Amino acid sequence: MKGSGLIIPVSLNNQFKGNMGYKTYFRWEVEPGKHTIQAHMAKGAEIDLMATEGESYFVYSETTFAFMGQPGAELTLISRSEGMDAVRSSKFIAEKP
């Protein structure tokens, strides 16, 4: 997550997983198939992934500000090398039970 002290509530397949902050990340193992990651803000975002067995995917989140200063989020699928660089400089967040 880039650029702010805002907290972004995050879901995987419509199940709340926790809150992301600046320089933080989650790690989830999923079954092959379609999965949706959602960022819940005034202007929310979601991204669909078609997961393949044995593959890793990295989704970058960034806060934005919409009309009248409403906080929002953008989610972007990034390369493995970009993702690994981001993970090395970030803090892991344990999933909420």
N, C-alpha and C. Protein backbone atom coordinates (compact mmCIF):
# COMPACT_ATOMS: atom_id res chain seq x y z
N MET A 1 0.84 -1.17 0.00
CA MET A 1 0.00 0.00 0.00
C MET A 1 0.88 1.23 0.00
N LYS A 2 0.54 2.18 -0.79
CA LYS A 2 1.39 3.34 -0.97
C LYS A 2 0.72 4.60 -0.47
N GLY A 3 1.47 5.43 0.20
CA GLY A 3 1.18 6.82 0.30
C GLY A 3 0.26 7.36 1.35
N SER A 4 -0.10 6.65 2.39
CA SER A 4 -0.92 7.32 3.38
C SER A 4 -0.97 6.54 4.67
N GLY A 5 -1.56 7.19 5.68
CA GLY A 5 -1.78 6.55 6.95
C GLY A 5 -3.17 5.95 7.05
N LEU A 6 -3.90 5.94 5.93
CA LEU A 6 -5.25 5.38 5.94
C LEU A 6 -5.22 3.87 6.11
N ILE A 7 -6.25 3.36 6.73
CA ILE A 7 -6.43 1.92 6.89
C ILE A 7 -7.45 1.46 5.85
N ILE A 8 -7.14 0.37 5.16
CA ILE A 8 -8.04 -0.17 4.16
C ILE A 8 -8.53 -1.55 4.61
N PRO A 9 -9.82 -1.70 4.88
CA PRO A 9 -10.38 -3.03 5.15
C PRO A 9 -10.33 -3.86 3.87
N VAL A 10 -9.88 -5.11 3.97
CA VAL A 10 -9.68 -5.95 2.80
C VAL A 10 -10.44 -7.26 2.96
N SER A 11 -11.05 -7.70 1.85
CA SER A 11 -11.77 -8.98 1.82
C SER A 11 -11.24 -9.84 0.68
N LEU A 12 -11.35 -11.14 0.88
CA LEU A 12 -11.07 -12.12 -0.15
C LEU A 12 -12.35 -12.92 -0.34
N ASN A 13 -12.90 -12.91 -1.54
CA ASN A 13 -14.14 -13.64 -1.83
C ASN A 13 -15.26 -13.28 -0.85
N ASN A 14 -15.41 -12.00 -0.60
CA ASN A 14 -16.45 -11.45 0.28
C ASN A 14 -16.31 -11.84 1.75
N GLN A 15 -15.12 -12.27 2.16
CA GLN A 15 -14.86 -12.58 3.57
C GLN A 15 -13.79 -11.62 4.07
N PHE A 16 -14.14 -10.84 5.11
CA PHE A 16 -13.19 -9.88 5.68
C PHE A 16 -11.94 -10.60 6.15
N LYS A 17 -10.77 -10.06 5.76
CA LYS A 17 -9.49 -10.67 6.13
C LYS A 17 -8.66 -9.80 7.05
N GLY A 18 -8.94 -8.50 7.12
CA GLY A 18 -8.18 -7.62 8.00
C GLY A 18 -8.03 -6.24 7.40
N ASN A 19 -7.24 -5.41 8.08
CA ASN A 19 -7.01 -4.03 7.65
C ASN A 19 -5.57 -3.85 7.21
N MET A 20 -5.40 -3.23 6.04
CA MET A 20 -4.06 -2.93 5.53
C MET A 20 -3.72 -1.49 5.83
N GLY A 21 -2.46 -1.25 6.09
CA GLY A 21 -1.92 0.09 6.25
C GLY A 21 -0.70 0.23 5.37
N TYR A 22 -0.04 1.35 5.49
CA TYR A 22 1.14 1.64 4.69
C TYR A 22 2.22 0.58 4.93
N LYS A 23 2.80 0.09 3.84
CA LYS A 23 3.90 -0.89 3.88
C LYS A 23 3.52 -2.17 4.63
N THR A 24 2.32 -2.69 4.36
CA THR A 24 1.88 -3.95 4.96
C THR A 24 1.40 -4.88 3.85
N TYR A 25 1.31 -6.19 4.17
CA TYR A 25 0.80 -7.14 3.18
C TYR A 25 0.16 -8.34 3.86
N PHE A 26 -0.70 -8.99 3.10
CA PHE A 26 -1.30 -10.27 3.48
C PHE A 26 -0.71 -11.35 2.59
N ARG A 27 -0.83 -12.59 3.04
CA ARG A 27 -0.48 -13.76 2.21
C ARG A 27 -1.60 -14.77 2.39
N TRP A 28 -2.21 -15.17 1.28
CA TRP A 28 -3.29 -16.16 1.32
C TRP A 28 -2.97 -17.29 0.36
N GLU A 29 -3.31 -18.52 0.77
CA GLU A 29 -3.26 -19.66 -0.13
C GLU A 29 -4.69 -19.96 -0.53
N VAL A 30 -4.91 -20.09 -1.84
CA VAL A 30 -6.26 -20.32 -2.34
C VAL A 30 -6.25 -21.51 -3.30
N GLU A 31 -7.42 -22.08 -3.48
CA GLU A 31 -7.60 -23.15 -4.46
C GLU A 31 -7.54 -22.54 -5.86
N PRO A 32 -7.18 -23.34 -6.86
CA PRO A 32 -7.24 -22.84 -8.23
C PRO A 32 -8.66 -22.38 -8.57
N GLY A 33 -8.74 -21.36 -9.40
CA GLY A 33 -10.04 -20.83 -9.81
C GLY A 33 -10.12 -19.33 -9.60
N LYS A 34 -11.32 -18.79 -9.77
CA LYS A 34 -11.53 -17.35 -9.68
C LYS A 34 -11.64 -16.91 -8.22
N HIS A 35 -10.94 -15.81 -7.90
CA HIS A 35 -10.98 -15.22 -6.56
C HIS A 35 -11.06 -13.70 -6.72
N THR A 36 -11.76 -13.06 -5.78
CA THR A 36 -11.93 -11.61 -5.83
C THR A 36 -11.36 -11.00 -4.56
N ILE A 37 -10.49 -10.00 -4.74
CA ILE A 37 -9.95 -9.23 -3.62
C ILE A 37 -10.63 -7.88 -3.65
N GLN A 38 -11.11 -7.43 -2.49
CA GLN A 38 -11.84 -6.17 -2.40
C GLN A 38 -11.21 -5.26 -1.35
N ALA A 39 -11.12 -3.99 -1.70
CA ALA A 39 -10.69 -2.94 -0.77
C ALA A 39 -11.92 -2.09 -0.48
N HIS A 40 -12.28 -1.98 0.80
CA HIS A 40 -13.51 -1.31 1.19
C HIS A 40 -13.22 0.09 1.70
N MET A 41 -13.46 1.06 0.84
CA MET A 41 -13.29 2.47 1.17
C MET A 41 -14.53 3.19 0.65
N ALA A 42 -14.61 4.52 0.85
CA ALA A 42 -15.73 5.27 0.29
C ALA A 42 -15.82 5.01 -1.21
N LYS A 43 -14.68 5.00 -1.89
CA LYS A 43 -14.59 4.58 -3.29
C LYS A 43 -13.79 3.28 -3.29
N GLY A 44 -14.50 2.19 -3.20
CA GLY A 44 -13.85 0.89 -3.08
C GLY A 44 -13.27 0.41 -4.40
N ALA A 45 -12.59 -0.73 -4.33
CA ALA A 45 -11.99 -1.33 -5.51
C ALA A 45 -12.03 -2.83 -5.36
N GLU A 46 -12.02 -3.52 -6.48
CA GLU A 46 -11.88 -4.97 -6.44
C GLU A 46 -11.15 -5.43 -7.68
N ILE A 47 -10.54 -6.59 -7.53
CA ILE A 47 -9.80 -7.20 -8.64
C ILE A 47 -10.07 -8.69 -8.61
N ASP A 48 -10.32 -9.26 -9.78
CA ASP A 48 -10.53 -10.70 -9.91
C ASP A 48 -9.26 -11.35 -10.41
N LEU A 49 -8.93 -12.50 -9.83
CA LEU A 49 -7.77 -13.29 -10.25
C LEU A 49 -8.23 -14.68 -10.61
N MET A 50 -7.65 -15.26 -11.64
CA MET A 50 -7.88 -16.66 -11.97
C MET A 50 -6.62 -17.41 -11.52
N ALA A 51 -6.69 -17.96 -10.31
CA ALA A 51 -5.53 -18.62 -9.70
C ALA A 51 -5.27 -19.98 -10.33
N THR A 52 -3.99 -20.25 -10.53
CA THR A 52 -3.52 -21.52 -11.07
C THR A 52 -2.67 -22.20 -10.00
N GLU A 53 -2.78 -23.50 -9.88
CA GLU A 53 -2.03 -24.25 -8.87
C GLU A 53 -0.54 -23.99 -9.00
N GLY A 54 0.11 -23.68 -7.85
CA GLY A 54 1.56 -23.50 -7.81
C GLY A 54 2.03 -22.10 -8.18
N GLU A 55 1.13 -21.21 -8.55
CA GLU A 55 1.50 -19.85 -8.94
C GLU A 55 1.32 -18.88 -7.77
N SER A 56 2.09 -17.80 -7.80
CA SER A 56 1.96 -16.71 -6.83
C SER A 56 1.51 -15.46 -7.56
N TYR A 57 0.67 -14.68 -6.91
CA TYR A 57 0.16 -13.44 -7.49
C TYR A 57 0.37 -12.32 -6.49
N PHE A 58 0.66 -11.15 -6.98
CA PHE A 58 0.89 -9.99 -6.15
C PHE A 58 -0.05 -8.87 -6.58
N VAL A 59 -0.82 -8.36 -5.62
CA VAL A 59 -1.75 -7.28 -5.89
C VAL A 59 -1.31 -6.08 -5.06
N TYR A 60 -1.10 -4.96 -5.74
CA TYR A 60 -0.64 -3.73 -5.11
C TYR A 60 -1.85 -2.86 -4.80
N SER A 61 -1.90 -2.31 -3.60
CA SER A 61 -3.00 -1.41 -3.25
C SER A 61 -2.45 0.00 -3.04
N GLU A 62 -3.24 0.96 -3.46
CA GLU A 62 -2.85 2.36 -3.33
C GLU A 62 -4.08 3.16 -2.93
N THR A 63 -3.91 4.07 -1.99
CA THR A 63 -5.03 4.92 -1.61
C THR A 63 -5.16 6.07 -2.60
N THR A 64 -6.39 6.49 -2.79
CA THR A 64 -6.70 7.60 -3.69
C THR A 64 -7.69 8.52 -2.98
N PHE A 65 -7.93 9.66 -3.57
CA PHE A 65 -8.95 10.56 -3.03
C PHE A 65 -9.87 10.97 -4.16
N ALA A 66 -11.14 10.71 -3.97
CA ALA A 66 -12.14 11.01 -4.99
C ALA A 66 -12.76 12.38 -4.73
N PHE A 67 -13.84 12.64 -5.39
CA PHE A 67 -14.58 13.88 -5.26
C PHE A 67 -14.84 14.21 -3.79
N MET A 68 -14.63 15.46 -3.43
CA MET A 68 -14.85 15.96 -2.06
C MET A 68 -13.94 15.29 -1.04
N GLY A 69 -12.80 14.79 -1.49
CA GLY A 69 -11.82 14.22 -0.57
C GLY A 69 -12.17 12.85 -0.02
N GLN A 70 -13.15 12.17 -0.61
CA GLN A 70 -13.52 10.83 -0.15
C GLN A 70 -12.36 9.86 -0.40
N PRO A 71 -11.94 9.11 0.61
CA PRO A 71 -10.84 8.17 0.41
C PRO A 71 -11.27 6.99 -0.45
N GLY A 72 -10.34 6.54 -1.28
CA GLY A 72 -10.60 5.39 -2.13
C GLY A 72 -9.38 4.50 -2.21
N ALA A 73 -9.50 3.48 -3.02
CA ALA A 73 -8.39 2.55 -3.19
C ALA A 73 -8.34 2.08 -4.63
N GLU A 74 -7.15 1.72 -5.06
CA GLU A 74 -6.95 1.08 -6.36
C GLU A 74 -6.18 -0.20 -6.10
N LEU A 75 -6.53 -1.26 -6.80
CA LEU A 75 -5.85 -2.54 -6.72
C LEU A 75 -5.31 -2.88 -8.10
N THR A 76 -4.02 -3.28 -8.15
CA THR A 76 -3.37 -3.57 -9.41
C THR A 76 -2.57 -4.86 -9.30
N LEU A 77 -2.72 -5.75 -10.26
CA LEU A 77 -1.90 -6.95 -10.33
C LEU A 77 -0.52 -6.53 -10.82
N ILE A 78 0.52 -6.89 -10.08
CA ILE A 78 1.89 -6.52 -10.44
C ILE A 78 2.74 -7.77 -10.66
N SER A 79 3.91 -7.58 -11.23
CA SER A 79 4.80 -8.71 -11.54
C SER A 79 5.36 -9.33 -10.26
N ARG A 80 5.84 -10.55 -10.41
CA ARG A 80 6.45 -11.26 -9.28
C ARG A 80 7.64 -10.47 -8.72
N SER A 81 8.51 -9.94 -9.59
CA SER A 81 9.68 -9.21 -9.10
C SER A 81 9.27 -7.93 -8.36
N GLU A 82 8.27 -7.20 -8.89
CA GLU A 82 7.78 -6.01 -8.18
C GLU A 82 7.16 -6.41 -6.84
N GLY A 83 6.41 -7.50 -6.84
CA GLY A 83 5.78 -7.98 -5.62
C GLY A 83 6.78 -8.39 -4.56
N MET A 84 7.82 -9.13 -4.97
CA MET A 84 8.84 -9.56 -4.01
C MET A 84 9.59 -8.37 -3.44
N ASP A 85 9.88 -7.36 -4.26
CA ASP A 85 10.53 -6.14 -3.76
C ASP A 85 9.64 -5.46 -2.73
N ALA A 86 8.35 -5.37 -3.00
CA ALA A 86 7.42 -4.72 -2.07
C ALA A 86 7.33 -5.51 -0.76
N VAL A 87 7.28 -6.83 -0.85
CA VAL A 87 7.19 -7.67 0.36
C VAL A 87 8.42 -7.50 1.24
N ARG A 88 9.59 -7.43 0.63
CA ARG A 88 10.83 -7.29 1.41
C ARG A 88 10.86 -6.00 2.23
N SER A 89 10.17 -4.98 1.78
CA SER A 89 10.19 -3.71 2.51
C SER A 89 8.89 -3.45 3.27
N SER A 90 8.10 -4.50 3.48
CA SER A 90 6.80 -4.35 4.14
C SER A 90 6.66 -5.29 5.33
N LYS A 91 5.58 -5.11 6.07
CA LYS A 91 5.30 -5.91 7.26
C LYS A 91 4.12 -6.84 6.99
N PHE A 92 4.27 -8.11 7.35
CA PHE A 92 3.21 -9.11 7.19
C PHE A 92 2.09 -8.86 8.18
N ILE A 93 0.85 -8.99 7.72
CA ILE A 93 -0.32 -8.86 8.59
C ILE A 93 -0.99 -10.23 8.68
N ALA A 94 -1.16 -10.73 9.90
CA ALA A 94 -1.86 -12.00 10.08
C ALA A 94 -3.34 -11.80 9.80
N GLU A 95 -3.93 -12.79 9.17
CA GLU A 95 -5.35 -12.74 8.84
C GLU A 95 -6.18 -12.73 10.12
N LYS A 96 -7.27 -11.99 10.10
CA LYS A 96 -8.18 -11.96 11.25
C LYS A 96 -8.97 -13.27 11.29
N PRO A 97 -9.14 -13.83 12.49
CA PRO A 97 -9.90 -15.11 12.57
C PRO A 97 -11.36 -14.91 12.24
